[in-house]
Amino acid sequence: MSTELQPVCAPVDHLTALPSELIQNIASFLFATHELDKALYVPRERQHDLERLAGTCRTLRHEVNTWAQHFLLQHKAITKYKPPRSTEKTNSKGDKNGARTAENPQQDQSATFAANSLRHSARHSQGLLSWSSHKCVFCGKSSSRSAILMNGLKCCRECDTLHWPDKVTRTDARKEFDLKDHHLVPHRHQTGPLIGNIFKNLGIPRLRYGMYLCQGIPAMMFMRQDVARLAEMVHGDLKGHLEQRQAQREKLKATKEANAEKRKDAASARAAAEASKAQRNAARAAEERAAMEELVVISDDEDFGPGREDEIIVLS
């Protein structure tokens, strides 16, 4: 019985077979990156995800550079981008629509292959990643500050507040929504299997958060709507839970105030008793002092008793 060896099929490259629009859409999702604990350590120098994708093959390099150049041109009011002259000449020689065709796919790729729209180079003075490394991506101002909830992008404080307006700190999230740290950041805490299974069965997701340094101390920010949604999953009826918690707090506050008033009254009673006792002790001491003075007077009179009248007359 003879067996024939089956030919080994080459792996199919499904990514480059996609239309340009889909590949460039994928590239758009790789531009903005976020590392949760980036503020806690010094990040290592490594290639951006767009550069790694562009370094895969010529086709993906063309698509990534095309998307980057399109982004710079689309937002040229902010980026101040001017396309290279070689790209303009090549595009003017293309077909009427300026689109890449299946018959001649290299027609509009030649200039993009030569140009690097991601980084600065000797021939081209501007690239998307080089520009975004020191400019706010929303207004174009120089900024060394990263967005709190998207720390792969440089963002000034005003634009951060404008585009992520309703942020909440971890302390406020715990106070306002009655959540614990193992609710907000469960992966940072050692939770038992029971808690882990409850979270898994309820479908409680991990919240997106951002770390930043406030006066040298690490702080954490969440989006308020995400925290509110998590609180609904944890507590059920969030409004009813917060009202019940507020009622318990008011009851506890009233109990504390009543106990404080009782302690105050008891302290006042003790102070009055001590004052009365001190007054009685003072009166008793005064009586004892008066009695001692009377004894001293009587003893002085006894020194001049009978039998000493002659001495008194002689002395006089």
Protein backbone atom coordinates (compact mmCIF):
# COMPACT_ATOMS: atom_id res chain seq x y z
CA MET A 1 0.00 0.00 0.00
CA SER A 2 1.58 3.22 -1.15
CA THR A 3 0.86 6.60 0.33
CA GLU A 4 1.35 9.80 -1.58
CA LEU A 5 2.66 12.87 0.18
CA GLN A 6 0.22 15.72 0.10
CA PRO A 7 1.69 19.01 -1.11
CA VAL A 8 2.19 21.57 1.61
CA CYS A 9 0.07 24.62 0.91
CA ALA A 10 1.65 27.99 1.47
CA PRO A 11 -0.05 30.03 4.20
CA VAL A 12 -2.59 32.45 2.85
CA ASP A 13 -1.96 36.10 3.65
CA HIS A 14 -5.46 37.22 4.52
CA LEU A 15 -4.39 40.67 5.75
CA THR A 16 -2.88 42.00 2.54
CA ALA A 17 -5.81 40.56 0.60
CA LEU A 18 -8.15 43.00 2.33
CA PRO A 19 -9.20 46.20 0.55
CA SER A 20 -7.13 49.30 1.21
CA GLU A 21 -9.98 50.94 3.11
CA LEU A 22 -10.09 48.12 5.66
CA ILE A 23 -6.31 48.01 6.11
CA GLN A 24 -6.17 51.75 6.66
CA ASN A 25 -9.08 51.48 9.07
CA ILE A 26 -7.05 48.94 11.05
CA ALA A 27 -4.11 51.34 11.02
CA SER A 28 -6.32 54.10 12.42
CA PHE A 29 -7.04 51.96 15.50
CA LEU A 30 -3.31 51.42 16.09
CA PHE A 31 -2.45 55.12 16.29
CA ALA A 32 -3.93 55.85 19.72
CA THR A 33 -2.43 53.57 22.38
CA HIS A 34 -2.92 53.32 26.12
CA GLU A 35 -0.79 51.58 28.76
CA LEU A 36 -2.57 51.37 32.09
CA ASP A 37 0.40 51.76 34.43
CA LYS A 38 2.67 53.79 32.17
CA ALA A 39 3.06 56.56 34.76
CA LEU A 40 4.54 54.13 37.30
CA TYR A 41 7.66 53.22 35.35
CA VAL A 42 9.98 54.58 32.69
CA PRO A 43 8.77 53.17 29.35
CA ARG A 44 11.27 51.36 27.20
CA GLU A 45 12.12 52.67 23.79
CA ARG A 46 10.37 50.45 21.29
CA GLN A 47 8.71 50.72 17.93
CA HIS A 48 5.18 52.00 17.63
CA ASP A 49 2.55 49.49 16.53
CA LEU A 50 2.16 51.36 13.24
CA GLU A 51 5.89 51.01 12.56
CA ARG A 52 5.79 47.32 13.33
CA LEU A 53 2.86 46.83 10.98
CA ALA A 54 4.55 48.89 8.27
CA GLY A 55 7.71 46.81 8.60
CA THR A 56 5.88 43.59 7.76
CA CYS A 57 5.84 43.92 3.97
CA ARG A 58 5.80 46.48 1.17
CA THR A 59 2.03 46.39 0.79
CA LEU A 60 1.35 47.13 4.45
CA ARG A 61 4.08 49.77 4.47
CA HIS A 62 2.33 51.49 1.59
CA GLU A 63 -1.07 51.30 3.30
CA VAL A 64 0.22 52.57 6.64
CA ASN A 65 2.11 55.47 5.07
CA THR A 66 -0.91 56.32 2.92
CA TRP A 67 -3.15 56.43 5.98
CA ALA A 68 -0.61 58.50 7.94
CA GLN A 69 -0.29 60.99 5.09
CA HIS A 70 -4.07 61.16 4.75
CA PHE A 71 -4.36 61.87 8.49
CA LEU A 72 -1.78 64.66 8.29
CA LEU A 73 -3.51 66.20 5.28
CA GLN A 74 -6.99 65.83 6.74
CA HIS A 75 -5.91 67.72 9.87
CA LYS A 76 -3.41 70.05 8.22
CA ALA A 77 -4.92 73.03 10.04
CA ILE A 78 -3.44 71.47 13.18
CA THR A 79 -0.51 69.48 11.83
CA LYS A 80 0.68 72.19 9.37
CA TYR A 81 1.62 69.34 7.06
CA LYS A 82 2.84 69.92 3.52
CA PRO A 83 3.08 66.82 1.30
CA PRO A 84 6.38 66.11 -0.49
CA ARG A 85 6.61 67.37 -4.05
CA SER A 86 7.36 63.90 -5.36
CA THR A 87 4.03 62.68 -4.00
CA GLU A 88 2.13 65.53 -5.63
CA LYS A 89 3.79 64.89 -9.00
CA THR A 90 3.14 61.17 -8.83
CA ASN A 91 -0.50 61.65 -7.88
CA SER A 92 -0.99 64.11 -10.74
CA LYS A 93 0.27 61.48 -13.20
CA GLY A 94 -2.11 58.82 -11.93
CA ASP A 95 -5.56 58.01 -13.19
CA LYS A 96 -8.33 60.60 -13.13
CA ASN A 97 -9.73 59.53 -9.78
CA GLY A 98 -6.28 59.25 -8.18
CA ALA A 99 -7.13 55.78 -6.78
CA ARG A 100 -5.00 52.64 -6.89
CA THR A 101 -6.29 50.21 -9.52
CA ALA A 102 -5.97 46.46 -9.72
CA GLU A 103 -4.39 46.64 -13.20
CA ASN A 104 -1.47 48.79 -12.08
CA PRO A 105 -1.22 48.67 -8.27
CA GLN A 106 2.32 50.12 -8.29
CA GLN A 107 1.24 53.32 -10.02
CA ASP A 108 0.47 55.36 -6.90
CA GLN A 109 2.68 53.36 -4.51
CA SER A 110 6.07 54.50 -5.77
CA ALA A 111 6.02 57.85 -3.98
CA THR A 112 4.60 56.34 -0.79
CA PHE A 113 7.27 53.63 -0.73
CA ALA A 114 9.95 56.32 -0.93
CA ALA A 115 8.28 58.57 1.65
CA ASN A 116 8.05 57.81 5.34
CA SER A 117 4.92 59.48 6.68
CA LEU A 118 5.47 58.15 10.20
CA ARG A 119 8.85 59.62 11.19
CA HIS A 120 11.10 62.52 10.31
CA SER A 121 13.70 61.73 7.71
CA ALA A 122 16.42 63.54 5.79
CA ARG A 123 14.17 64.05 2.77
CA HIS A 124 10.90 64.76 4.56
CA SER A 125 10.69 67.05 7.55
CA GLN A 126 7.48 65.77 9.08
CA GLY A 127 5.96 62.45 10.09
CA LEU A 128 2.83 61.55 12.02
CA LEU A 129 4.53 59.83 14.95
CA SER A 130 7.30 62.43 15.16
CA TRP A 131 4.74 65.23 15.15
CA SER A 132 2.46 63.59 17.72
CA SER A 133 5.37 62.93 20.10
CA HIS A 134 5.63 66.62 21.07
CA LYS A 135 2.35 68.20 19.92
CA CYS A 136 -1.17 68.02 21.29
CA VAL A 137 -3.06 65.90 18.77
CA PHE A 138 -6.24 67.95 19.26
CA CYS A 139 -5.02 71.54 19.01
CA GLY A 140 -1.45 71.24 17.71
CA LYS A 141 0.16 73.14 20.60
CA SER A 142 3.50 71.99 21.96
CA SER A 143 2.90 69.66 24.88
CA SER A 144 4.87 67.07 26.81
CA ARG A 145 1.78 65.97 28.72
CA SER A 146 -0.03 62.73 27.86
CA ALA A 147 -3.79 62.31 27.97
CA ILE A 148 -4.79 60.58 31.20
CA LEU A 149 -7.11 58.04 29.58
CA MET A 150 -5.12 57.70 26.34
CA ASN A 151 -1.51 58.12 27.36
CA GLY A 152 -0.14 57.17 23.95
CA LEU A 153 -1.23 60.62 22.72
CA LYS A 154 0.15 63.97 23.75
CA CYS A 155 -2.64 66.21 24.96
CA CYS A 156 -2.69 69.57 26.73
CA ARG A 157 -4.73 69.99 29.90
CA GLU A 158 -7.48 72.02 28.21
CA CYS A 159 -8.06 69.45 25.46
CA ASP A 160 -7.97 66.62 28.00
CA THR A 161 -10.78 68.28 29.93
CA LEU A 162 -12.67 69.00 26.71
CA HIS A 163 -12.54 65.48 25.22
CA TRP A 164 -12.78 63.55 28.52
CA PRO A 165 -14.94 65.94 30.53
CA ASP A 166 -16.49 63.71 33.17
CA LYS A 167 -13.60 61.97 34.89
CA VAL A 168 -13.64 60.83 38.49
CA THR A 169 -10.80 59.90 40.83
CA ARG A 170 -10.65 56.56 42.61
CA THR A 171 -11.34 58.23 45.97
CA ASP A 172 -14.48 59.94 44.66
CA ALA A 173 -15.60 56.74 42.92
CA ARG A 174 -15.41 54.86 46.22
CA LYS A 175 -17.28 57.58 48.11
CA GLU A 176 -20.00 58.42 45.57
CA PHE A 177 -20.78 54.90 44.33
CA ASP A 178 -19.91 52.82 47.42
CA LEU A 179 -17.36 50.70 45.57
CA LYS A 180 -14.23 49.01 46.84
CA ASP A 181 -10.82 48.74 45.25
CA HIS A 182 -11.46 45.14 44.25
CA HIS A 183 -14.47 46.40 42.26
CA LEU A 184 -12.59 49.16 40.48
CA VAL A 185 -9.28 47.40 39.85
CA PRO A 186 -9.82 43.68 40.56
CA HIS A 187 -6.58 42.59 38.86
CA ARG A 188 -4.59 44.55 41.47
CA HIS A 189 -6.09 42.62 44.40
CA GLN A 190 -5.90 38.99 45.46
CA THR A 191 -9.54 37.93 45.30
CA GLY A 192 -10.71 34.48 46.27
CA PRO A 193 -12.34 32.05 43.83
CA LEU A 194 -15.82 32.90 45.12
CA ILE A 195 -15.46 36.62 44.36
CA GLY A 196 -13.85 35.82 41.01
CA ASN A 197 -16.72 33.53 40.03
CA ILE A 198 -19.31 36.12 41.08
CA PHE A 199 -17.63 38.78 38.94
CA LYS A 200 -17.40 36.36 36.02
CA ASN A 201 -21.03 35.24 36.28
CA LEU A 202 -22.30 38.80 36.56
CA GLY A 203 -20.25 39.84 33.57
CA ILE A 204 -18.60 42.69 35.47
CA PRO A 205 -15.97 44.17 33.14
CA ARG A 206 -12.66 45.76 33.95
CA LEU A 207 -12.81 49.52 33.88
CA ARG A 208 -10.55 51.57 31.70
CA TYR A 209 -8.49 53.87 33.85
CA GLY A 210 -5.49 56.14 33.61
CA MET A 211 -2.61 56.67 36.02
CA TYR A 212 -0.92 60.02 36.50
CA LEU A 213 1.35 61.64 39.07
CA CYS A 214 -0.11 64.30 41.35
CA GLN A 215 2.63 66.01 43.38
CA GLY A 216 4.76 62.90 42.97
CA ILE A 217 2.02 60.53 44.16
CA PRO A 218 0.35 58.09 41.71
CA ALA A 219 -3.34 58.82 41.21
CA MET A 220 -6.02 57.04 39.21
CA MET A 221 -8.83 58.37 37.01
CA PHE A 222 -11.97 56.70 35.63
CA MET A 223 -14.82 57.83 33.44
CA ARG A 224 -17.85 58.55 35.61
CA GLN A 225 -20.30 56.80 33.30
CA ASP A 226 -18.18 53.61 33.40
CA VAL A 227 -18.09 53.69 37.20
CA ALA A 228 -21.86 54.29 37.37
CA ARG A 229 -22.48 51.33 35.06
CA LEU A 230 -20.23 49.13 37.20
CA ALA A 231 -22.02 50.27 40.37
CA GLU A 232 -25.36 49.28 38.79
CA MET A 233 -23.97 45.79 38.18
CA VAL A 234 -22.58 45.48 41.71
CA HIS A 235 -25.44 47.01 43.74
CA GLY A 236 -28.41 46.39 41.46
CA ASP A 237 -30.64 49.39 42.13
CA LEU A 238 -27.95 52.03 42.49
CA LYS A 239 -30.31 54.85 43.44
CA GLY A 240 -32.03 52.76 46.12
CA HIS A 241 -28.69 51.51 47.42
CA LEU A 242 -27.30 55.03 47.72
CA GLU A 243 -30.48 56.23 49.46
CA GLN A 244 -30.29 53.32 51.91
CA ARG A 245 -26.61 54.03 52.52
CA GLN A 246 -27.40 57.72 53.11
CA ALA A 247 -30.15 56.78 55.58
CA GLN A 248 -27.74 54.50 57.42
CA ARG A 249 -25.15 57.26 57.52
CA GLU A 250 -27.68 59.74 58.89
CA LYS A 251 -28.80 57.21 61.51
CA LEU A 252 -25.20 56.53 62.47
CA LYS A 253 -24.52 60.26 62.60
CA ALA A 254 -27.55 60.82 64.85
CA THR A 255 -26.41 57.97 67.11
CA LYS A 256 -22.92 59.45 67.32
CA GLU A 257 -24.33 62.89 68.10
CA ALA A 258 -26.60 61.42 70.82
CA ASN A 259 -23.68 59.52 72.33
CA ALA A 260 -21.54 62.65 72.18
CA GLU A 261 -24.31 64.61 73.94
CA LYS A 262 -24.54 61.93 76.62
CA ARG A 263 -20.79 62.00 77.10
CA LYS A 264 -20.94 65.78 77.32
CA ASP A 265 -23.70 65.67 79.96
CA ALA A 266 -21.79 63.02 81.90
CA ALA A 267 -18.65 65.14 81.76
CA SER A 268 -20.62 68.18 82.96
CA ALA A 269 -22.08 66.15 85.83
CA ARG A 270 -18.63 64.90 86.79
CA ALA A 271 -17.26 68.42 86.66
CA ALA A 272 -20.11 69.70 88.87
CA ALA A 273 -19.59 66.85 91.33
CA GLU A 274 -15.87 67.53 91.47
CA ALA A 275 -16.52 71.26 91.97
CA SER A 276 -18.98 70.53 94.81
CA LYS A 277 -16.52 68.13 96.39
CA ALA A 278 -13.74 70.70 96.12
CA GLN A 279 -16.02 73.30 97.71
CA ARG A 280 -16.85 70.98 100.60
CA ASN A 281 -13.18 70.18 101.08
CA ALA A 282 -12.36 73.89 101.12
CA ALA A 283 -15.07 74.57 103.73
CA ARG A 284 -13.85 71.68 105.88
CA ALA A 285 -10.28 72.97 105.61
CA ALA A 286 -11.44 76.45 106.66
CA GLU A 287 -13.26 75.02 109.69
CA GLU A 288 -10.19 73.02 110.69
CA ARG A 289 -8.01 76.11 110.32
CA ALA A 290 -10.37 78.17 112.53
CA ALA A 291 -10.38 75.44 115.19
CA MET A 292 -6.58 75.36 115.20
CA GLU A 293 -6.44 79.15 115.67
CA GLU A 294 -8.78 78.91 118.70
CA LEU A 295 -6.53 76.25 120.24
CA VAL A 296 -3.50 78.50 119.79
CA VAL A 297 -5.26 81.44 121.54
CA ILE A 298 -6.28 79.23 124.47
CA SER A 299 -2.72 77.92 124.91
CA ASP A 300 -1.38 81.50 124.98
CA ASP A 301 -3.83 82.44 127.77
CA GLU A 302 -2.70 79.46 129.91
CA ASP A 303 0.90 80.81 129.94
CA PHE A 304 -0.27 83.79 132.06
CA GLY A 305 -2.19 81.77 134.62
CA PRO A 306 -2.13 81.99 138.57
CA GLY A 307 1.26 82.32 140.30
CA ARG A 308 2.79 84.61 137.68
CA GLU A 309 1.17 87.92 138.69
CA ASP A 310 4.33 88.94 140.71
CA GLU A 311 6.53 88.42 137.69
CA ILE A 312 4.23 90.58 135.63
CA ILE A 313 4.28 93.36 138.31
CA VAL A 314 8.10 93.26 138.61
CA LEU A 315 8.52 93.41 134.90
CA SER A 316 6.18 96.31 134.67
